[in-house]
């Protein structure tokens, strides 16, 4: 069998059947229409033929990343989008593939880009190359000073049971900066480990550094830009 079978390969991919099953069905059809004779096996299709055809067909396909936007709670469909420069890898799992994007991580991206713009690129998985970033390593050793309050509004939370430890710290220190006062317990609390995969803790460290910076210091201007 030297004929090309692109339509058959495409049908196999769409239906998700195996190469052996496709070869059996295709050969049976050719036998029914009289192409395959009892004493002539030339046109019999084997599974390796199907596999080669499917492989060639995959090279011709255009792959795209389709991102579905869903609002939670309730799983409300908001729409979908396609990445302009993205690529996708097809997996033969016989089920739809879902890429769930964490909105909490997505919210951290603006801080990451702002930090790199004002302070420079990161150095390694945990370090920073800029002056401000290097101060975040030993921030916990600095005492709380008389810092300048920053006006803002924080939502009222009846309970913080649904917040993680890092989120609770972020909420409490934001309230402290708005009020201009920081409790001793909060000042002694660990804002979280420093890692470029957790920019929420980087935000916590920036705020902790802010309450340890007097109003007269020059780098207060840079800190205020972050906040």
N, C-alpha and C. Protein backbone atom coordinates (compact mmCIF):
# COMPACT_ATOMS: atom_id res chain seq x y z
N UNK A 1 0.84 -1.19 0.00
CA UNK A 1 0.00 0.00 0.00
C UNK A 1 0.88 1.24 0.00
N UNK A 2 0.97 1.91 -1.16
CA UNK A 2 1.80 3.11 -1.30
C UNK A 2 0.98 4.38 -1.44
N UNK A 3 -0.35 4.28 -1.37
CA UNK A 3 -1.18 5.46 -1.48
C UNK A 3 -1.10 6.29 -0.20
N UNK A 4 -1.20 7.61 -0.35
CA UNK A 4 -1.25 8.48 0.81
C UNK A 4 -2.68 8.54 1.35
N UNK A 5 -2.80 8.58 2.66
CA UNK A 5 -4.13 8.52 3.30
C UNK A 5 -4.28 9.68 4.30
N UNK A 6 -4.22 10.94 3.83
CA UNK A 6 -4.31 12.08 4.76
C UNK A 6 -5.68 12.21 5.43
N UNK A 7 -6.76 11.92 4.67
CA UNK A 7 -8.10 12.04 5.26
C UNK A 7 -8.31 10.99 6.34
N UNK A 8 -7.80 9.79 6.12
CA UNK A 8 -7.92 8.73 7.11
C UNK A 8 -7.14 9.09 8.37
N UNK A 9 -5.93 9.64 8.20
CA UNK A 9 -5.13 10.05 9.35
C UNK A 9 -5.82 11.13 10.16
N UNK A 10 -6.45 12.09 9.46
CA UNK A 10 -7.17 13.16 10.15
C UNK A 10 -8.37 12.63 10.90
N UNK A 11 -9.09 11.68 10.30
CA UNK A 11 -10.25 11.08 10.96
C UNK A 11 -9.84 10.29 12.20
N UNK A 12 -8.69 9.64 12.14
CA UNK A 12 -8.20 8.89 13.29
C UNK A 12 -7.87 9.82 14.45
N UNK A 13 -7.26 10.97 14.14
CA UNK A 13 -6.93 11.93 15.19
C UNK A 13 -8.18 12.53 15.82
N UNK A 14 -9.18 12.80 14.99
CA UNK A 14 -10.41 13.40 15.49
C UNK A 14 -11.19 12.46 16.38
N UNK A 15 -11.21 11.20 16.02
CA UNK A 15 -11.98 10.21 16.78
C UNK A 15 -11.18 9.57 17.90
N UNK A 16 -9.84 9.69 17.85
CA UNK A 16 -9.00 9.15 18.91
C UNK A 16 -8.84 7.65 18.91
N UNK A 17 -9.03 6.99 17.77
CA UNK A 17 -8.87 5.55 17.71
C UNK A 17 -7.40 5.19 17.51
N UNK A 18 -7.05 3.96 17.85
CA UNK A 18 -5.66 3.53 17.75
C UNK A 18 -5.29 3.22 16.31
N UNK A 19 -3.98 3.11 16.06
CA UNK A 19 -3.49 2.78 14.72
C UNK A 19 -3.98 1.40 14.28
N UNK A 20 -3.96 0.43 15.20
CA UNK A 20 -4.39 -0.93 14.87
C UNK A 20 -5.87 -0.98 14.51
N UNK A 21 -6.68 -0.27 15.30
CA UNK A 21 -8.12 -0.23 15.02
C UNK A 21 -8.40 0.43 13.68
N UNK A 22 -7.72 1.54 13.41
CA UNK A 22 -7.91 2.23 12.14
C UNK A 22 -7.51 1.35 10.96
N UNK A 23 -6.41 0.62 11.09
CA UNK A 23 -5.95 -0.25 10.01
C UNK A 23 -6.94 -1.38 9.76
N UNK A 24 -7.52 -1.93 10.83
CA UNK A 24 -8.50 -3.02 10.69
C UNK A 24 -9.75 -2.53 9.98
N UNK A 25 -10.26 -1.35 10.39
CA UNK A 25 -11.47 -0.82 9.77
C UNK A 25 -11.23 -0.44 8.31
N UNK A 26 -10.10 0.21 8.03
CA UNK A 26 -9.80 0.63 6.66
C UNK A 26 -9.64 -0.58 5.73
N UNK A 27 -8.95 -1.61 6.19
CA UNK A 27 -8.77 -2.81 5.36
C UNK A 27 -10.10 -3.52 5.13
N UNK A 28 -10.97 -3.51 6.14
CA UNK A 28 -12.29 -4.14 5.98
C UNK A 28 -13.13 -3.41 4.93
N UNK A 29 -13.04 -2.09 4.91
CA UNK A 29 -13.78 -1.30 3.91
C UNK A 29 -13.26 -1.60 2.51
N UNK A 30 -11.93 -1.64 2.35
CA UNK A 30 -11.35 -1.96 1.05
C UNK A 30 -11.73 -3.36 0.58
N UNK A 31 -11.88 -4.26 1.52
CA UNK A 31 -12.32 -5.62 1.16
C UNK A 31 -13.77 -5.62 0.71
N UNK A 32 -14.61 -4.81 1.37
CA UNK A 32 -16.02 -4.74 0.99
C UNK A 32 -16.23 -4.13 -0.39
N UNK A 33 -15.41 -3.15 -0.75
CA UNK A 33 -15.57 -2.50 -2.06
C UNK A 33 -14.83 -3.25 -3.16
N UNK A 34 -14.14 -4.32 -2.81
CA UNK A 34 -13.50 -5.16 -3.81
C UNK A 34 -12.07 -4.80 -4.13
N UNK A 35 -11.49 -3.84 -3.39
CA UNK A 35 -10.09 -3.47 -3.66
C UNK A 35 -9.15 -4.57 -3.19
N UNK A 36 -9.46 -5.19 -2.07
CA UNK A 36 -8.65 -6.27 -1.54
C UNK A 36 -9.31 -7.60 -1.90
N UNK A 37 -8.56 -8.46 -2.59
CA UNK A 37 -9.04 -9.78 -2.97
C UNK A 37 -8.49 -10.82 -2.00
N UNK A 38 -9.13 -11.96 -2.03
CA UNK A 38 -8.70 -13.03 -1.13
C UNK A 38 -7.28 -13.47 -1.42
N UNK A 39 -6.94 -13.53 -2.70
CA UNK A 39 -5.60 -13.99 -3.09
C UNK A 39 -4.64 -12.84 -3.37
N UNK A 40 -5.05 -11.59 -3.06
CA UNK A 40 -4.20 -10.43 -3.32
C UNK A 40 -4.19 -9.54 -2.07
N UNK A 41 -3.08 -9.52 -1.37
CA UNK A 41 -2.97 -8.75 -0.12
C UNK A 41 -2.22 -7.42 -0.32
N UNK A 42 -2.07 -6.97 -1.55
CA UNK A 42 -1.24 -5.80 -1.84
C UNK A 42 -1.79 -4.53 -1.20
N UNK A 43 -3.11 -4.42 -1.14
CA UNK A 43 -3.73 -3.19 -0.65
C UNK A 43 -4.15 -3.26 0.81
N UNK A 44 -3.72 -4.27 1.51
CA UNK A 44 -4.03 -4.35 2.94
C UNK A 44 -3.27 -3.25 3.69
N UNK A 45 -3.96 -2.59 4.60
CA UNK A 45 -3.37 -1.48 5.37
C UNK A 45 -2.99 -2.00 6.75
N UNK A 46 -1.72 -1.84 7.11
CA UNK A 46 -1.29 -2.25 8.45
C UNK A 46 -1.19 -1.03 9.37
N UNK A 47 -1.00 -1.27 10.65
CA UNK A 47 -1.01 -0.18 11.62
C UNK A 47 0.18 0.77 11.46
N UNK A 48 1.31 0.28 10.95
CA UNK A 48 2.46 1.15 10.74
C UNK A 48 2.20 2.16 9.63
N UNK A 49 1.40 1.77 8.66
CA UNK A 49 1.00 2.68 7.60
C UNK A 49 0.17 3.82 8.19
N UNK A 50 -0.75 3.48 9.07
CA UNK A 50 -1.57 4.50 9.73
C UNK A 50 -0.71 5.43 10.56
N UNK A 51 0.25 4.84 11.28
CA UNK A 51 1.11 5.66 12.14
C UNK A 51 1.93 6.64 11.33
N UNK A 52 2.47 6.21 10.19
CA UNK A 52 3.25 7.11 9.35
C UNK A 52 2.39 8.24 8.78
N UNK A 53 1.18 7.90 8.39
CA UNK A 53 0.28 8.92 7.83
C UNK A 53 -0.10 9.94 8.90
N UNK A 54 -0.32 9.48 10.11
CA UNK A 54 -0.68 10.41 11.20
C UNK A 54 0.51 11.30 11.56
N UNK A 55 1.68 10.74 11.50
CA UNK A 55 2.88 11.52 11.80
C UNK A 55 3.09 12.62 10.76
N UNK A 56 2.88 12.30 9.49
CA UNK A 56 3.03 13.31 8.44
C UNK A 56 1.97 14.39 8.57
N UNK A 57 0.78 13.99 8.97
CA UNK A 57 -0.31 14.96 9.10
C UNK A 57 -0.05 15.92 10.25
N UNK A 58 0.57 15.44 11.32
CA UNK A 58 0.87 16.30 12.46
C UNK A 58 1.84 17.41 12.09
N UNK A 59 2.76 17.14 11.17
CA UNK A 59 3.73 18.15 10.75
C UNK A 59 3.06 19.30 10.03
N UNK A 60 1.90 19.03 9.40
CA UNK A 60 1.22 20.06 8.62
C UNK A 60 0.26 20.89 9.47
N UNK A 61 0.02 20.48 10.72
CA UNK A 61 -0.96 21.17 11.54
C UNK A 61 -0.38 22.45 12.12
N UNK A 62 -1.24 23.44 12.29
CA UNK A 62 -0.89 24.69 12.94
C UNK A 62 -1.39 24.62 14.37
N UNK A 63 -0.47 24.72 15.32
CA UNK A 63 -0.85 24.61 16.72
C UNK A 63 -0.99 26.00 17.33
N UNK A 64 -2.00 26.17 18.15
CA UNK A 64 -2.27 27.42 18.83
C UNK A 64 -2.66 27.14 20.28
N UNK A 65 -2.40 28.11 21.12
CA UNK A 65 -2.84 28.02 22.51
C UNK A 65 -4.19 28.74 22.62
N UNK A 66 -5.22 28.00 22.99
CA UNK A 66 -6.54 28.57 23.20
C UNK A 66 -6.78 28.66 24.70
N UNK A 67 -6.91 29.88 25.22
CA UNK A 67 -7.08 30.11 26.65
C UNK A 67 -8.52 30.48 26.92
N UNK A 68 -9.19 29.69 27.73
CA UNK A 68 -10.57 29.95 28.12
C UNK A 68 -10.60 30.73 29.42
N UNK A 69 -11.38 31.79 29.46
CA UNK A 69 -11.48 32.64 30.64
C UNK A 69 -12.77 32.30 31.38
N UNK A 70 -12.63 31.86 32.64
CA UNK A 70 -13.76 31.46 33.46
C UNK A 70 -13.74 32.24 34.76
N UNK A 71 -14.87 32.73 35.16
CA UNK A 71 -14.99 33.49 36.40
C UNK A 71 -15.47 32.57 37.52
N UNK A 72 -14.73 32.63 38.64
CA UNK A 72 -15.09 31.85 39.81
C UNK A 72 -15.49 32.78 40.96
N UNK A 73 -16.40 32.33 41.86
CA UNK A 73 -17.11 31.03 41.84
C UNK A 73 -18.25 31.01 40.84
N UNK A 74 -18.72 29.84 40.54
CA UNK A 74 -19.82 29.68 39.61
C UNK A 74 -19.42 29.18 38.25
N UNK A 75 -18.10 29.24 37.93
CA UNK A 75 -17.59 28.78 36.63
C UNK A 75 -18.33 29.43 35.47
N UNK A 76 -18.44 30.76 35.49
CA UNK A 76 -19.08 31.50 34.41
C UNK A 76 -18.09 31.70 33.27
N UNK A 77 -18.52 31.35 32.06
CA UNK A 77 -17.68 31.51 30.87
C UNK A 77 -17.65 32.99 30.48
N UNK A 78 -16.45 33.57 30.44
CA UNK A 78 -16.29 34.98 30.11
C UNK A 78 -15.83 35.19 28.67
N UNK A 79 -15.18 34.20 28.09
CA UNK A 79 -14.68 34.33 26.73
C UNK A 79 -13.43 33.50 26.55
N UNK A 80 -12.75 33.71 25.44
CA UNK A 80 -11.51 32.99 25.19
C UNK A 80 -10.58 33.87 24.35
N UNK A 81 -9.30 33.53 24.36
CA UNK A 81 -8.33 34.27 23.58
C UNK A 81 -7.25 33.32 23.09
N UNK A 82 -6.49 33.77 22.11
CA UNK A 82 -5.41 32.97 21.53
C UNK A 82 -4.13 33.78 21.57
N UNK A 83 -3.08 33.16 22.08
CA UNK A 83 -1.78 33.84 22.15
C UNK A 83 -1.21 34.02 20.75
N UNK A 84 -0.70 35.22 20.47
CA UNK A 84 -0.16 35.52 19.15
C UNK A 84 1.10 34.72 18.86
N UNK A 85 2.00 34.64 19.85
CA UNK A 85 3.28 33.97 19.65
C UNK A 85 3.37 32.65 20.40
N UNK A 86 2.26 32.15 20.91
CA UNK A 86 2.30 30.94 21.72
C UNK A 86 2.39 29.67 20.89
N UNK A 87 2.75 28.59 21.53
CA UNK A 87 2.79 27.28 20.91
C UNK A 87 2.04 26.31 21.80
N UNK A 88 1.60 25.22 21.22
CA UNK A 88 0.85 24.21 21.97
C UNK A 88 1.35 22.83 21.60
N UNK A 89 1.32 21.94 22.54
CA UNK A 89 1.71 20.55 22.32
C UNK A 89 0.48 19.68 22.47
N UNK A 90 0.18 18.89 21.49
CA UNK A 90 -1.02 18.05 21.50
C UNK A 90 -0.73 16.75 22.23
N UNK A 91 -1.59 16.40 23.16
CA UNK A 91 -1.45 15.17 23.92
C UNK A 91 -2.62 14.26 23.57
N UNK A 92 -2.32 12.98 23.30
CA UNK A 92 -3.35 12.01 22.96
C UNK A 92 -3.87 11.40 24.25
N UNK A 93 -4.78 12.11 24.93
CA UNK A 93 -5.34 11.63 26.19
C UNK A 93 -6.82 11.26 26.08
N UNK A 94 -7.38 11.45 24.88
CA UNK A 94 -8.79 11.17 24.66
C UNK A 94 -9.70 12.00 25.56
N UNK A 95 -9.26 13.17 25.94
CA UNK A 95 -10.08 14.06 26.75
C UNK A 95 -9.56 15.49 26.56
N UNK A 96 -10.40 16.50 26.77
CA UNK A 96 -9.95 17.88 26.62
C UNK A 96 -8.87 18.22 27.64
N UNK A 97 -7.92 19.05 27.23
CA UNK A 97 -6.87 19.52 28.12
C UNK A 97 -7.24 20.91 28.62
N UNK A 98 -7.09 21.14 29.92
CA UNK A 98 -7.42 22.41 30.52
C UNK A 98 -6.18 23.02 31.15
N UNK A 99 -5.92 24.27 30.84
CA UNK A 99 -4.82 25.01 31.45
C UNK A 99 -5.43 26.04 32.38
N UNK A 100 -5.35 25.79 33.68
CA UNK A 100 -5.95 26.66 34.68
C UNK A 100 -4.90 27.69 35.11
N UNK A 101 -5.20 28.96 34.86
CA UNK A 101 -4.30 30.05 35.22
C UNK A 101 -4.71 30.60 36.58
N UNK A 102 -3.80 30.58 37.54
CA UNK A 102 -4.07 31.08 38.88
C UNK A 102 -4.10 32.61 38.85
N UNK A 103 -5.25 33.19 39.22
CA UNK A 103 -5.37 34.64 39.20
C UNK A 103 -4.49 35.29 40.26
N UNK A 104 -4.22 34.58 41.36
CA UNK A 104 -3.35 35.13 42.39
C UNK A 104 -1.94 35.34 41.85
N UNK A 105 -1.45 34.36 41.08
CA UNK A 105 -0.13 34.50 40.47
C UNK A 105 -0.13 35.56 39.38
N UNK A 106 -1.24 35.64 38.64
CA UNK A 106 -1.33 36.66 37.59
C UNK A 106 -1.31 38.07 38.19
N UNK A 107 -1.89 38.22 39.37
CA UNK A 107 -1.90 39.54 40.01
C UNK A 107 -0.51 39.97 40.46
N UNK A 108 0.41 39.02 40.60
CA UNK A 108 1.76 39.34 41.03
C UNK A 108 2.64 39.86 39.89
N UNK A 109 2.24 39.60 38.65
CA UNK A 109 3.07 39.96 37.51
C UNK A 109 3.32 41.47 37.38
N UNK A 110 2.32 42.35 37.62
CA UNK A 110 2.62 43.79 37.54
C UNK A 110 3.71 44.22 38.51
N UNK A 111 3.70 43.67 39.74
CA UNK A 111 4.75 44.01 40.71
C UNK A 111 6.10 43.53 40.22
N UNK A 112 6.15 42.36 39.65
CA UNK A 112 7.41 41.83 39.15
C UNK A 112 8.02 42.74 38.09
N UNK A 113 7.20 43.16 37.12
CA UNK A 113 7.72 44.01 36.05
C UNK A 113 8.07 45.41 36.57
N UNK A 114 7.28 45.92 37.51
CA UNK A 114 7.57 47.22 38.09
C UNK A 114 8.89 47.18 38.87
N UNK A 115 9.09 46.11 39.63
CA UNK A 115 10.31 45.98 40.41
C UNK A 115 11.54 45.92 39.51
N UNK A 116 11.46 45.13 38.44
CA UNK A 116 12.59 45.01 37.52
C UNK A 116 12.84 46.32 36.78
N UNK A 117 11.79 47.09 36.54
CA UNK A 117 11.95 48.38 35.85
C UNK A 117 12.64 49.41 36.74
N UNK A 118 12.30 49.43 38.02
CA UNK A 118 12.84 50.44 38.93
C UNK A 118 14.15 50.02 39.59
N UNK A 119 14.31 48.71 39.80
CA UNK A 119 15.46 48.26 40.59
C UNK A 119 16.43 47.39 39.79
N UNK A 120 16.07 46.97 38.60
CA UNK A 120 16.97 46.14 37.81
C UNK A 120 16.56 44.69 37.79
N UNK A 121 17.27 43.89 37.02
CA UNK A 121 16.95 42.49 36.84
C UNK A 121 17.27 41.68 38.09
N UNK A 122 16.67 40.52 38.16
CA UNK A 122 16.94 39.61 39.27
C UNK A 122 18.27 38.90 39.05
N UNK A 123 18.83 38.38 40.13
CA UNK A 123 20.09 37.63 40.04
C UNK A 123 19.90 36.30 40.75
N UNK A 124 19.75 35.25 39.98
CA UNK A 124 19.52 33.95 40.58
C UNK A 124 18.07 33.74 40.94
N UNK A 125 17.74 32.60 41.53
CA UNK A 125 16.35 32.28 41.85
C UNK A 125 15.79 33.07 43.01
N UNK A 126 16.64 33.71 43.82
CA UNK A 126 16.16 34.43 44.99
C UNK A 126 16.72 35.85 45.12
N UNK A 127 17.80 36.16 44.44
CA UNK A 127 18.48 37.41 44.66
C UNK A 127 18.08 38.51 43.70
N UNK A 128 18.46 39.74 44.05
CA UNK A 128 18.21 40.92 43.23
C UNK A 128 19.53 41.63 42.98
N UNK A 129 19.59 42.33 41.86
CA UNK A 129 20.82 43.03 41.49
C UNK A 129 20.81 44.49 41.91
N UNK A 130 19.62 45.06 42.15
CA UNK A 130 19.50 46.47 42.49
C UNK A 130 19.72 46.76 43.96
N UNK A 131 19.84 48.06 44.27
CA UNK A 131 20.08 48.49 45.65
C UNK A 131 18.91 48.14 46.57
N UNK A 132 17.71 48.39 46.11
CA UNK A 132 16.53 48.12 46.93
C UNK A 132 16.34 46.62 47.14
N UNK A 133 16.52 45.87 46.08
CA UNK A 133 16.33 44.43 46.19
C UNK A 133 17.28 43.78 47.17
N UNK A 134 18.50 44.26 47.23
CA UNK A 134 19.48 43.70 48.17
C UNK A 134 19.10 44.00 49.62
N UNK A 135 18.39 45.12 49.85
CA UNK A 135 17.97 45.45 51.21
C UNK A 135 16.91 44.50 51.73
N UNK A 136 16.19 43.82 50.83
CA UNK A 136 15.12 42.92 51.26
C UNK A 136 15.65 41.66 51.93
N UNK A 137 16.93 41.40 51.78
CA UNK A 137 17.50 40.19 52.36
C UNK A 137 17.62 40.29 53.89
N UNK A 138 17.93 41.49 54.40
CA UNK A 138 18.15 41.66 55.83
C UNK A 138 17.15 42.64 56.45
N UNK A 139 16.00 42.76 55.84
CA UNK A 139 14.98 43.71 56.30
C UNK A 139 14.51 43.39 57.72
N UNK A 140 14.45 42.07 58.07
CA UNK A 140 13.85 41.66 59.34
C UNK A 140 14.69 42.10 60.54
N UNK A 141 15.94 42.51 60.29
CA UNK A 141 16.80 42.95 61.38
C UNK A 141 16.61 44.44 61.69
N UNK A 142 15.85 45.13 60.86
CA UNK A 142 15.67 46.57 61.02
C UNK A 142 14.50 46.85 61.97
N UNK A 143 14.65 47.78 62.89
CA UNK A 143 13.54 48.13 63.79
C UNK A 143 12.51 49.00 63.07
N UNK A 144 11.30 48.99 63.58
CA UNK A 144 10.25 49.84 63.03
C UNK A 144 10.51 51.28 63.46
N UNK A 145 10.46 52.20 62.49
CA UNK A 145 10.72 53.61 62.76
C UNK A 145 9.46 54.43 62.51
N UNK A 146 9.57 55.71 62.72
CA UNK A 146 8.44 56.60 62.47
C UNK A 146 8.31 56.82 60.97
N UNK A 147 7.45 56.07 60.36
CA UNK A 147 7.30 56.13 58.90
C UNK A 147 6.11 57.03 58.53
N UNK A 148 6.08 57.40 57.27
CA UNK A 148 5.02 58.28 56.77
C UNK A 148 3.83 57.45 56.32
N UNK A 149 2.63 57.69 56.87
CA UNK A 149 1.44 56.94 56.43
C UNK A 149 1.12 57.24 54.97
N UNK A 150 0.51 56.28 54.32
CA UNK A 150 0.08 56.43 52.93
C UNK A 150 -1.43 56.22 52.88
N UNK A 151 -2.13 57.16 52.33
CA UNK A 151 -3.59 57.07 52.28
C UNK A 151 -4.02 55.90 51.40
N UNK A 152 -5.09 55.27 51.83
CA UNK A 152 -5.62 54.15 51.07
C UNK A 152 -6.86 53.59 51.73
N UNK A 153 -7.55 52.71 51.04
CA UNK A 153 -8.75 52.06 51.56
C UNK A 153 -8.59 50.56 51.47
N UNK A 154 -8.81 49.88 52.56
CA UNK A 154 -8.76 48.43 52.59
C UNK A 154 -10.16 47.89 52.85
N UNK A 155 -10.53 46.79 52.20
CA UNK A 155 -11.87 46.22 52.42
C UNK A 155 -12.01 45.69 53.84
N UNK A 156 -13.23 45.74 54.37
CA UNK A 156 -13.48 45.21 55.70
C UNK A 156 -13.65 43.70 55.62
N UNK A 157 -12.92 42.98 56.45
CA UNK A 157 -12.98 41.53 56.48
C UNK A 157 -13.52 41.08 57.82
N UNK A 158 -14.67 40.42 57.80
CA UNK A 158 -15.22 39.89 59.04
C UNK A 158 -14.37 38.75 59.57
N UNK A 159 -13.82 37.97 58.65
CA UNK A 159 -12.96 36.86 59.03
C UNK A 159 -11.89 36.68 57.96
N UNK A 160 -10.71 36.29 58.39
CA UNK A 160 -9.59 36.08 57.45
C UNK A 160 -9.29 34.59 57.31
N UNK A 161 -10.30 33.76 57.55
CA UNK A 161 -10.08 32.31 57.55
C UNK A 161 -9.70 31.79 56.17
N UNK A 162 -10.17 32.48 55.11
CA UNK A 162 -9.91 32.02 53.74
C UNK A 162 -8.58 32.55 53.20
N UNK A 163 -7.88 33.37 53.96
CA UNK A 163 -6.61 33.93 53.50
C UNK A 163 -5.45 33.07 53.96
N UNK A 164 -4.43 33.00 53.11
CA UNK A 164 -3.21 32.29 53.49
C UNK A 164 -2.42 33.15 54.47
N UNK A 165 -1.37 32.57 55.02
CA UNK A 165 -0.53 33.32 55.97
C UNK A 165 0.08 34.55 55.32
N UNK A 166 0.57 34.39 54.08
CA UNK A 166 1.17 35.52 53.37
C UNK A 166 0.13 36.59 53.06
N UNK A 167 -1.08 36.18 52.72
CA UNK A 167 -2.14 37.15 52.41
C UNK A 167 -2.58 37.91 53.66
N UNK A 168 -2.64 37.20 54.80
CA UNK A 168 -2.99 37.86 56.05
C UNK A 168 -1.96 38.93 56.41
N UNK A 169 -0.68 38.57 56.20
CA UNK A 169 0.38 39.53 56.51
C UNK A 169 0.26 40.76 55.61
N UNK A 170 0.02 40.55 54.32
CA UNK A 170 -0.11 41.66 53.39
C UNK A 170 -1.26 42.57 53.79
N UNK A 171 -2.39 41.98 54.18
CA UNK A 171 -3.54 42.78 54.58
C UNK A 171 -3.23 43.60 55.83
N UNK A 172 -2.63 42.95 56.83
CA UNK A 172 -2.38 43.62 58.10
C UNK A 172 -1.34 44.74 57.96
N UNK A 173 -0.29 44.51 57.16
CA UNK A 173 0.73 45.55 57.06
C UNK A 173 0.24 46.71 56.18
N UNK A 174 -0.66 46.43 55.24
CA UNK A 174 -1.26 47.53 54.47
C UNK A 174 -2.10 48.42 55.38
N UNK A 175 -2.88 47.80 56.26
CA UNK A 175 -3.68 48.57 57.22
C UNK A 175 -2.77 49.38 58.14
N UNK A 176 -1.64 48.80 58.54
CA UNK A 176 -0.71 49.50 59.42
C UNK A 176 -0.11 50.72 58.73
N UNK A 177 0.24 50.58 57.46
CA UNK A 177 0.84 51.71 56.73
C UNK A 177 -0.20 52.81 56.51
N UNK A 178 -1.44 52.44 56.30
CA UNK A 178 -2.50 53.44 56.14
C UNK A 178 -2.72 54.20 57.45
N UNK A 179 -2.69 53.47 58.57
CA UNK A 179 -2.91 54.09 59.88
C UNK A 179 -1.66 54.76 60.43
N UNK A 180 -0.49 54.41 59.91
CA UNK A 180 0.75 55.00 60.41
C UNK A 180 1.29 54.36 61.66
N UNK A 181 0.81 53.19 62.01
CA UNK A 181 1.27 52.49 63.21
C UNK A 181 1.41 51.01 62.90
N UNK A 182 2.41 50.38 63.53
CA UNK A 182 2.64 48.95 63.35
C UNK A 182 2.82 48.32 64.72
N UNK A 183 2.09 47.25 64.96
CA UNK A 183 2.17 46.57 66.25
C UNK A 183 3.48 45.80 66.38
N UNK A 184 3.86 45.51 67.59
CA UNK A 184 5.09 44.77 67.84
C UNK A 184 4.98 43.35 67.27
N UNK A 185 3.82 42.74 67.42
CA UNK A 185 3.62 41.36 66.93
C UNK A 185 3.77 41.30 65.41
N UNK A 186 3.21 42.30 64.71
CA UNK A 186 3.32 42.31 63.25
C UNK A 186 4.76 42.57 62.83
N UNK A 187 5.46 43.42 63.55
CA UNK A 187 6.84 43.73 63.21
C UNK A 187 7.74 42.51 63.37
N UNK A 188 7.37 41.60 64.26
CA UNK A 188 8.17 40.40 64.49
C UNK A 188 7.74 39.23 63.62
N UNK A 189 6.64 39.37 62.91
CA UNK A 189 6.13 38.29 62.07
C UNK A 189 6.95 38.17 60.79
N UNK A 190 7.20 36.96 60.37
CA UNK A 190 7.97 36.70 59.15
C UNK A 190 7.08 36.92 57.93
N UNK A 191 7.45 37.84 57.03
CA UNK A 191 6.63 38.09 55.83
C UNK A 191 6.65 36.97 54.80
N UNK A 192 7.51 35.97 54.98
CA UNK A 192 7.58 34.86 54.02
C UNK A 192 8.93 34.79 53.35
N UNK A 193 9.23 33.62 52.81
CA UNK A 193 10.51 33.40 52.16
C UNK A 193 10.61 34.20 50.86
N UNK A 194 11.82 34.58 50.53
CA UNK A 194 12.05 35.35 49.31
C UNK A 194 12.31 34.41 48.14
N UNK A 195 11.48 34.48 47.13
CA UNK A 195 11.63 33.65 45.93
C UNK A 195 10.93 34.35 44.78
N UNK A 196 11.50 34.27 43.59
CA UNK A 196 10.91 34.96 42.44
C UNK A 196 9.63 34.29 41.96
N UNK A 197 9.34 33.12 42.47
CA UNK A 197 8.08 32.46 42.14
C UNK A 197 6.97 32.87 43.09
N UNK A 198 7.31 33.66 44.12
CA UNK A 198 6.32 34.10 45.11
C UNK A 198 6.48 35.60 45.31
N UNK A 199 5.92 36.37 44.39
CA UNK A 199 6.08 37.82 44.46
C UNK A 199 5.19 38.44 45.52
N UNK A 200 4.26 37.68 46.05
CA UNK A 200 3.45 38.17 47.16
C UNK A 200 4.33 38.41 48.39
N UNK A 201 5.26 37.49 48.64
CA UNK A 201 6.17 37.67 49.77
C UNK A 201 7.16 38.79 49.50
N UNK A 202 7.48 39.02 48.23
CA UNK A 202 8.34 40.18 47.90
C UNK A 202 7.62 41.48 48.23
N UNK A 203 6.32 41.53 47.94
CA UNK A 203 5.53 42.70 48.30
C UNK A 203 5.50 42.88 49.82
N UNK A 204 5.37 41.79 50.55
CA UNK A 204 5.39 41.87 52.02
C UNK A 204 6.71 42.44 52.52
N UNK A 205 7.81 42.01 51.92
CA UNK A 205 9.13 42.48 52.34
C UNK A 205 9.33 43.96 52.02
N UNK A 206 8.79 44.40 50.88
CA UNK A 206 8.90 45.82 50.53
C UNK A 206 8.16 46.68 51.56
N UNK A 207 6.99 46.24 51.96
CA UNK A 207 6.21 46.99 52.95
C UNK A 207 6.88 46.95 54.32
N UNK A 208 7.47 45.79 54.64
CA UNK A 208 8.18 45.69 55.93
C UNK A 208 9.40 46.62 55.94
N UNK A 209 10.07 46.72 54.80
CA UNK A 209 11.21 47.62 54.70
C UNK A 209 10.75 49.07 54.81
N UNK A 210 9.55 49.36 54.29
CA UNK A 210 9.04 50.73 54.31
C UNK A 210 8.82 51.21 55.75
N UNK A 211 8.26 50.38 56.61
CA UNK A 211 7.99 50.81 57.98
C UNK A 211 9.27 50.89 58.81
N UNK A 212 10.38 50.43 58.24
CA UNK A 212 11.68 50.56 58.91
C UNK A 212 12.52 51.68 58.29
N UNK A 213 11.88 52.49 57.43
CA UNK A 213 12.59 53.56 56.73
C UNK A 213 12.04 54.90 57.18
N UNK A 214 12.90 55.74 57.70
CA UNK A 214 12.48 57.07 58.13
C UNK A 214 12.13 57.95 56.94
N UNK A 215 11.27 58.92 57.19
CA UNK A 215 10.79 59.81 56.12
C UNK A 215 11.93 60.57 55.45
N UNK A 216 12.97 60.86 56.18
CA UNK A 216 14.05 61.69 55.63
C UNK A 216 14.99 60.94 54.72
N UNK A 217 14.92 59.60 54.69
CA UNK A 217 15.86 58.84 53.88
C UNK A 217 15.51 58.93 52.40
N UNK A 218 16.53 58.93 51.55
CA UNK A 218 16.33 59.14 50.12
C UNK A 218 15.57 57.98 49.48
N UNK A 219 15.85 56.76 49.89
CA UNK A 219 15.22 55.62 49.20
C UNK A 219 13.74 55.50 49.56
N UNK A 220 13.23 56.36 50.44
CA UNK A 220 11.79 56.35 50.72
C UNK A 220 11.00 56.69 49.46
N UNK A 221 11.57 57.53 48.59
CA UNK A 221 10.89 57.89 47.34
C UNK A 221 10.68 56.67 46.47
N UNK A 222 11.72 55.85 46.36
CA UNK A 222 11.62 54.63 45.55
C UNK A 222 10.63 53.66 46.16
N UNK A 223 10.66 53.51 47.48
CA UNK A 223 9.73 52.61 48.14
C UNK A 223 8.29 53.05 47.92
N UNK A 224 8.05 54.36 47.98
CA UNK A 224 6.70 54.88 47.78
C UNK A 224 6.20 54.59 46.37
N UNK A 225 7.10 54.59 45.38
CA UNK A 225 6.71 54.27 44.01
C UNK A 225 6.19 52.83 43.92
N UNK A 226 6.84 51.92 44.64
CA UNK A 226 6.38 50.53 44.64
C UNK A 226 5.00 50.43 45.28
N UNK A 227 4.81 51.09 46.41
CA UNK A 227 3.56 50.97 47.17
C UNK A 227 2.43 51.68 46.44
